[in-house]
C-alpha atoms as a PDB file:
ATOM      1  CA  UNK A   1      -4.973  -4.462  22.245  1.00  0.00           C
ATOM      2  CA  UNK A   2      -3.929  -1.846  19.177  1.00  0.00           C
ATOM      3  CA  UNK A   3      -0.279  -1.747  18.539  1.00  0.00           C
ATOM      4  CA  UNK A   4       1.438   0.618  16.696  1.00  0.00           C
ATOM      5  CA  UNK A   5       2.600  -1.955  14.021  1.00  0.00           C
ATOM      6  CA  UNK A   6       5.485   0.676  12.242  1.00  0.00           C
ATOM      7  CA  UNK A   7       6.670   1.970  15.687  1.00  0.00           C
ATOM      8  CA  UNK A   8       9.874  -0.014  16.828  1.00  0.00           C
ATOM      9  CA  UNK A   9      10.477  -0.940  20.446  1.00  0.00           C
ATOM     10  CA  UNK A  10      14.117   0.493  20.404  1.00  0.00           C
ATOM     11  CA  UNK A  11      17.209  -1.567  21.306  1.00  0.00           C
ATOM     12  CA  UNK A  12      18.169   0.267  24.291  1.00  0.00           C
ATOM     13  CA  UNK A  13      14.423  -0.483  25.410  1.00  0.00           C
ATOM     14  CA  UNK A  14      14.297  -4.075  24.530  1.00  0.00           C
ATOM     15  CA  UNK A  15      17.995  -4.619  26.444  1.00  0.00           C
ATOM     16  CA  UNK A  16      16.895  -2.918  29.344  1.00  0.00           C
ATOM     17  CA  UNK A  17      13.519  -5.123  29.787  1.00  0.00           C
ATOM     18  CA  UNK A  18      15.723  -8.282  29.397  1.00  0.00           C
ATOM     19  CA  UNK A  19      17.895  -7.195  31.898  1.00  0.00           C
ATOM     20  CA  UNK A  20      14.931  -6.436  34.403  1.00  0.00           C
ATOM     21  CA  UNK A  21      14.067  -9.910  33.505  1.00  0.00           C
ATOM     22  CA  UNK A  22      17.003 -11.440  34.824  1.00  0.00           C
ATOM     23  CA  UNK A  23      16.001 -10.415  38.386  1.00  0.00           C
ATOM     24  CA  UNK A  24      13.640 -13.235  38.934  1.00  0.00           C
ATOM     25  CA  UNK A  25      14.326 -15.892  41.174  1.00  0.00           C
ATOM     26  CA  UNK A  26      16.908 -18.113  40.379  1.00  0.00           C
ATOM     27  CA  UNK A  27      17.530 -21.575  42.297  1.00  0.00           C
ATOM     28  CA  UNK A  28      21.175 -22.375  42.144  1.00  0.00           C
ATOM     29  CA  UNK A  29      22.240 -19.192  40.005  1.00  0.00           C
ATOM     30  CA  UNK A  30      22.163 -21.215  36.729  1.00  0.00           C
ATOM     31  CA  UNK A  31      20.915 -17.732  34.930  1.00  0.00           C
ATOM     32  CA  UNK A  32      19.234 -20.213  32.501  1.00  0.00           C
ATOM     33  CA  UNK A  33      17.242 -17.572  30.176  1.00  0.00           C
ATOM     34  CA  UNK A  34      18.423 -16.733  26.642  1.00  0.00           C
ATOM     35  CA  UNK A  35      16.761 -13.771  24.892  1.00  0.00           C
ATOM     36  CA  UNK A  36      16.784 -13.208  21.136  1.00  0.00           C
ATOM     37  CA  UNK A  37      15.292  -9.685  19.469  1.00  0.00           C
ATOM     38  CA  UNK A  38      13.739 -10.206  15.966  1.00  0.00           C
ATOM     39  CA  UNK A  39      13.025  -7.225  13.892  1.00  0.00           C
ATOM     40  CA  UNK A  40      12.510  -6.276  10.242  1.00  0.00           C
ATOM     41  CA  UNK A  41      12.807  -9.067   7.597  1.00  0.00           C
ATOM     42  CA  UNK A  42      14.388 -11.465  10.221  1.00  0.00           C
ATOM     43  CA  UNK A  43      10.531 -11.612  11.577  1.00  0.00           C
ATOM     44  CA  UNK A  44       9.162 -13.176   8.157  1.00  0.00           C
ATOM     45  CA  UNK A  45      12.119 -15.577   8.289  1.00  0.00           C
ATOM     46  CA  UNK A  46      11.409 -17.016  11.752  1.00  0.00           C
ATOM     47  CA  UNK A  47       7.562 -17.393  10.299  1.00  0.00           C
ATOM     48  CA  UNK A  48       8.848 -19.284   7.772  1.00  0.00           C
ATOM     49  CA  UNK A  49      11.086 -21.477  10.072  1.00  0.00           C
ATOM     50  CA  UNK A  50       7.950 -22.071  12.290  1.00  0.00           C
ATOM     51  CA  UNK A  51       5.602 -22.867   9.078  1.00  0.00           C
ATOM     52  CA  UNK A  52       8.067 -25.372   7.912  1.00  0.00           C
ATOM     53  CA  UNK A  53       8.544 -27.337  11.200  1.00  0.00           C
ATOM     54  CA  UNK A  54       4.673 -26.881  11.621  1.00  0.00           C
ATOM     55  CA  UNK A  55       3.851 -28.542   7.923  1.00  0.00           C
ATOM     56  CA  UNK A  56       6.368 -31.210   8.778  1.00  0.00           C
ATOM     57  CA  UNK A  57       4.485 -31.600  12.101  1.00  0.00           C
ATOM     58  CA  UNK A  58       1.531 -32.227  10.090  1.00  0.00           C
ATOM     59  CA  UNK A  59      -0.489 -29.207  11.189  1.00  0.00           C
ATOM     60  CA  UNK A  60      -3.136 -27.723   9.337  1.00  0.00           C
ATOM     61  CA  UNK A  61      -2.277 -26.238   5.806  1.00  0.00           C
ATOM     62  CA  UNK A  62      -4.477 -22.871   7.010  1.00  0.00           C
ATOM     63  CA  UNK A  63      -2.492 -22.642  10.404  1.00  0.00           C
ATOM     64  CA  UNK A  64       0.735 -23.084   8.331  1.00  0.00           C
ATOM     65  CA  UNK A  65       0.199 -20.419   5.895  1.00  0.00           C
ATOM     66  CA  UNK A  66      -0.797 -18.215   8.929  1.00  0.00           C
ATOM     67  CA  UNK A  67       2.178 -18.896  10.654  1.00  0.00           C
ATOM     68  CA  UNK A  68       4.652 -17.414   7.516  1.00  0.00           C
ATOM     69  CA  UNK A  69       3.145 -13.634   8.036  1.00  0.00           C
ATOM     70  CA  UNK A  70       1.954 -13.681  11.850  1.00  0.00           C
ATOM     71  CA  UNK A  71       5.210 -12.433  13.822  1.00  0.00           C
ATOM     72  CA  UNK A  72       5.445  -9.522  11.160  1.00  0.00           C
ATOM     73  CA  UNK A  73       2.053  -8.009  12.863  1.00  0.00           C
ATOM     74  CA  UNK A  74       4.233  -6.413  15.338  1.00  0.00           C
ATOM     75  CA  UNK A  75       7.534  -4.498  14.957  1.00  0.00           C
ATOM     76  CA  UNK A  76       9.391  -6.391  17.480  1.00  0.00           C
ATOM     77  CA  UNK A  77       9.357 -10.277  18.598  1.00  0.00           C
ATOM     78  CA  UNK A  78      11.462 -11.463  21.508  1.00  0.00           C
ATOM     79  CA  UNK A  79      12.208 -15.567  21.864  1.00  0.00           C
ATOM     80  CA  UNK A  80      12.767 -16.458  25.452  1.00  0.00           C
ATOM     81  CA  UNK A  81      14.386 -19.632  26.102  1.00  0.00           C
ATOM     82  CA  UNK A  82      15.422 -21.772  29.125  1.00  0.00           C
ATOM     83  CA  UNK A  83      18.819 -23.819  29.051  1.00  0.00           C
ATOM     84  CA  UNK A  84      18.559 -27.531  30.040  1.00  0.00           C
ATOM     85  CA  UNK A  85      19.904 -28.244  33.776  1.00  0.00           C
ATOM     86  CA  UNK A  86      21.912 -30.893  35.053  1.00  0.00           C
ATOM     87  CA  UNK A  87      19.110 -32.993  35.692  1.00  0.00           C
ATOM     88  CA  UNK A  88      15.627 -33.227  35.222  1.00  0.00           C
ATOM     89  CA  UNK A  89      14.786 -31.254  38.643  1.00  0.00           C
ATOM     90  CA  UNK A  90      17.291 -28.539  37.354  1.00  0.00           C
ATOM     91  CA  UNK A  91      15.625 -28.221  33.922  1.00  0.00           C
ATOM     92  CA  UNK A  92      12.283 -27.689  35.609  1.00  0.00           C
ATOM     93  CA  UNK A  93      13.676 -24.972  37.786  1.00  0.00           C
ATOM     94  CA  UNK A  94      15.362 -23.244  34.976  1.00  0.00           C
ATOM     95  CA  UNK A  95      12.085 -23.018  33.046  1.00  0.00           C
ATOM     96  CA  UNK A  96      10.173 -22.199  35.969  1.00  0.00           C
ATOM     97  CA  UNK A  97      12.648 -19.077  36.899  1.00  0.00           C
ATOM     98  CA  UNK A  98      12.383 -18.172  32.904  1.00  0.00           C
ATOM     99  CA  UNK A  99       8.622 -17.802  33.063  1.00  0.00           C
ATOM    100  CA  UNK A 100       9.374 -15.479  36.340  1.00  0.00           C
ATOM    101  CA  UNK A 101      11.898 -13.730  34.008  1.00  0.00           C
ATOM    102  CA  UNK A 102       9.564 -13.332  31.408  1.00  0.00           C
ATOM    103  CA  UNK A 103       6.507 -12.094  33.753  1.00  0.00           C
ATOM    104  CA  UNK A 104       9.114  -9.374  35.052  1.00  0.00           C
ATOM    105  CA  UNK A 105       9.824  -8.491  31.301  1.00  0.00           C
ATOM    106  CA  UNK A 106       6.053  -8.268  30.478  1.00  0.00           C
ATOM    107  CA  UNK A 107       5.571  -5.938  33.691  1.00  0.00           C
ATOM    108  CA  UNK A 108       8.044  -3.710  32.963  1.00  0.00           C
ATOM    109  CA  UNK A 109       7.055  -3.478  29.395  1.00  0.00           C
ATOM    110  CA  UNK A 110       3.649  -2.676  30.416  1.00  0.00           C
ATOM    111  CA  UNK A 111       4.960   0.087  32.942  1.00  0.00           C
ATOM    112  CA  UNK A 112       6.502   1.621  29.745  1.00  0.00           C
ATOM    113  CA  UNK A 113       3.718   1.746  27.722  1.00  0.00           C
ATOM    114  CA  UNK A 114       4.554  -1.727  25.673  1.00  0.00           C
ATOM    115  CA  UNK A 115       2.026  -3.841  24.644  1.00  0.00           C
ATOM    116  CA  UNK A 116       3.093  -7.344  25.067  1.00  0.00           C
ATOM    117  CA  UNK A 117       1.741 -10.623  24.239  1.00  0.00           C
ATOM    118  CA  UNK A 118       3.040 -14.279  25.366  1.00  0.00           C
ATOM    119  CA  UNK A 119       2.787 -16.766  22.452  1.00  0.00           C
ATOM    120  CA  UNK A 120       3.510 -20.644  22.798  1.00  0.00           C
ATOM    121  CA  UNK A 121       5.854 -22.101  20.245  1.00  0.00           C
ATOM    122  CA  UNK A 122       4.196 -24.199  17.763  1.00  0.00           C
ATOM    123  CA  UNK A 123       4.289 -27.926  18.405  1.00  0.00           C
ATOM    124  CA  UNK A 124       6.764 -29.520  16.850  1.00  0.00           C
ATOM    125  CA  UNK A 125       8.854 -26.388  16.141  1.00  0.00           C
ATOM    126  CA  UNK A 126      11.053 -25.830  19.322  1.00  0.00           C
ATOM    127  CA  UNK A 127      14.303 -27.081  17.827  1.00  0.00           C
ATOM    128  CA  UNK A 128      14.011 -25.343  14.857  1.00  0.00           C
ATOM    129  CA  UNK A 129      13.519 -21.911  16.564  1.00  0.00           C
ATOM    130  CA  UNK A 130      16.069 -22.614  18.825  1.00  0.00           C
ATOM    131  CA  UNK A 131      18.522 -23.409  15.674  1.00  0.00           C
ATOM    132  CA  UNK A 132      17.299 -20.405  13.938  1.00  0.00           C
ATOM    133  CA  UNK A 133      17.925 -17.959  16.930  1.00  0.00           C
ATOM    134  CA  UNK A 134      21.026 -19.566  18.124  1.00  0.00           C
ATOM    135  CA  UNK A 135      20.114 -21.255  21.386  1.00  0.00           C
ATOM    136  CA  UNK A 136      22.352 -23.917  22.703  1.00  0.00           C
ATOM    137  CA  UNK A 137      20.919 -27.301  22.121  1.00  0.00           C
ATOM    138  CA  UNK A 138      18.384 -28.834  24.758  1.00  0.00           C
ATOM    139  CA  UNK A 139      17.200 -25.234  25.159  1.00  0.00           C
ATOM    140  CA  UNK A 140      13.281 -24.747  25.565  1.00  0.00           C
ATOM    141  CA  UNK A 141      11.337 -22.073  23.871  1.00  0.00           C
ATOM    142  CA  UNK A 142       9.652 -20.760  26.684  1.00  0.00           C
ATOM    143  CA  UNK A 143       7.803 -18.080  24.549  1.00  0.00           C
ATOM    144  CA  UNK A 144       7.655 -16.332  21.541  1.00  0.00           C
ATOM    145  CA  UNK A 145       6.732 -12.761  22.822  1.00  0.00           C
ATOM    146  CA  UNK A 146       5.026  -9.951  20.778  1.00  0.00           C
ATOM    147  CA  UNK A 147       6.178  -6.184  21.876  1.00  0.00           C
ATOM    148  CA  UNK A 148       4.864  -2.834  20.521  1.00  0.00           C
ATOM    149  CA  UNK A 149       3.689   0.139  21.383  1.00  0.00           C
ATOM    150  CA  UNK A 150       0.094   0.659  22.691  1.00  0.00           C
ATOM    151  CA  UNK A 151      -2.068   2.431  21.137  1.00  0.00           C
ATOM    152  CA  UNK A 152      -4.935   1.569  23.791  1.00  0.00           C
ATOM    153  CA  UNK A 153      -5.415   0.080  26.907  1.00  0.00           C
ATOM    154  CA  UNK A 154      -7.840  -2.997  26.979  1.00  0.00           C
ATOM    155  CA  UNK A 155      -9.889  -3.839  29.655  1.00  0.00           C
ATOM    156  CA  UNK A 156      -8.626  -6.430  31.974  1.00  0.00           C
ATOM    157  CA  UNK A 157     -10.568  -9.572  32.143  1.00  0.00           C
ATOM    158  CA  UNK A 158     -12.776 -10.411  35.007  1.00  0.00           C
ATOM    159  CA  UNK A 159     -10.681 -13.239  37.269  1.00  0.00           C
ATOM    160  CA  UNK A 160     -12.338 -15.092  40.197  1.00  0.00           C
ATOM    161  CA  UNK A 161     -10.862 -14.288  43.572  1.00  0.00           C
ATOM    162  CA  UNK A 162      -7.835 -16.622  44.604  1.00  0.00           C
ATOM    163  CA  UNK A 163      -8.738 -19.327  46.784  1.00  0.00           C
ATOM    164  CA  UNK A 164      -6.197 -19.690  49.723  1.00  0.00           C
ATOM    165  CA  UNK A 165      -6.421 -22.434  51.807  1.00  0.00           C
ATOM    166  CA  UNK A 166      -4.836 -21.469  55.668  1.00  0.00           C
ATOM    167  CA  UNK A 167      -3.431 -24.293  57.832  1.00  0.00           C
ATOM    168  CA  UNK A 168      -2.833 -23.074  61.314  1.00  0.00           C
ATOM    169  CA  UNK A 169      -2.087 -26.585  63.084  1.00  0.00           C
END
């Protein structure tokens, strides 16, 4: 998908997308999602934080160099985190809820003509990214999302049909 790299997604729209995300199912109402919108020069600062963490982790130098500038390819970057729970089970439930919230956000963005891409936080960079964006300790970075106004509509990839088992007795 091609994005308009110089056209920002307005703050009010980003805020609305995050609000819609919070309608995701959330076991025990822990409200575990955290959102940080990154624009302007902060995108390059994010890239530097990630690249430094990747280098310390021993990643390939070419991948590290690419990380320094890749977050500037889109006008908006959204980091979404999941707070830890009071048990391993609750932490897992929180991550599931935040993944559902991310899907809500992406569907709402698509409905508004905004392109999205869900990127993973690179290995070894979770704590550095969490610190950079101000998440509380123990927060898991569920994704680093690219947001931008779509210039085209890509063809949907072919998918296999759902394999559904039915148990009646």
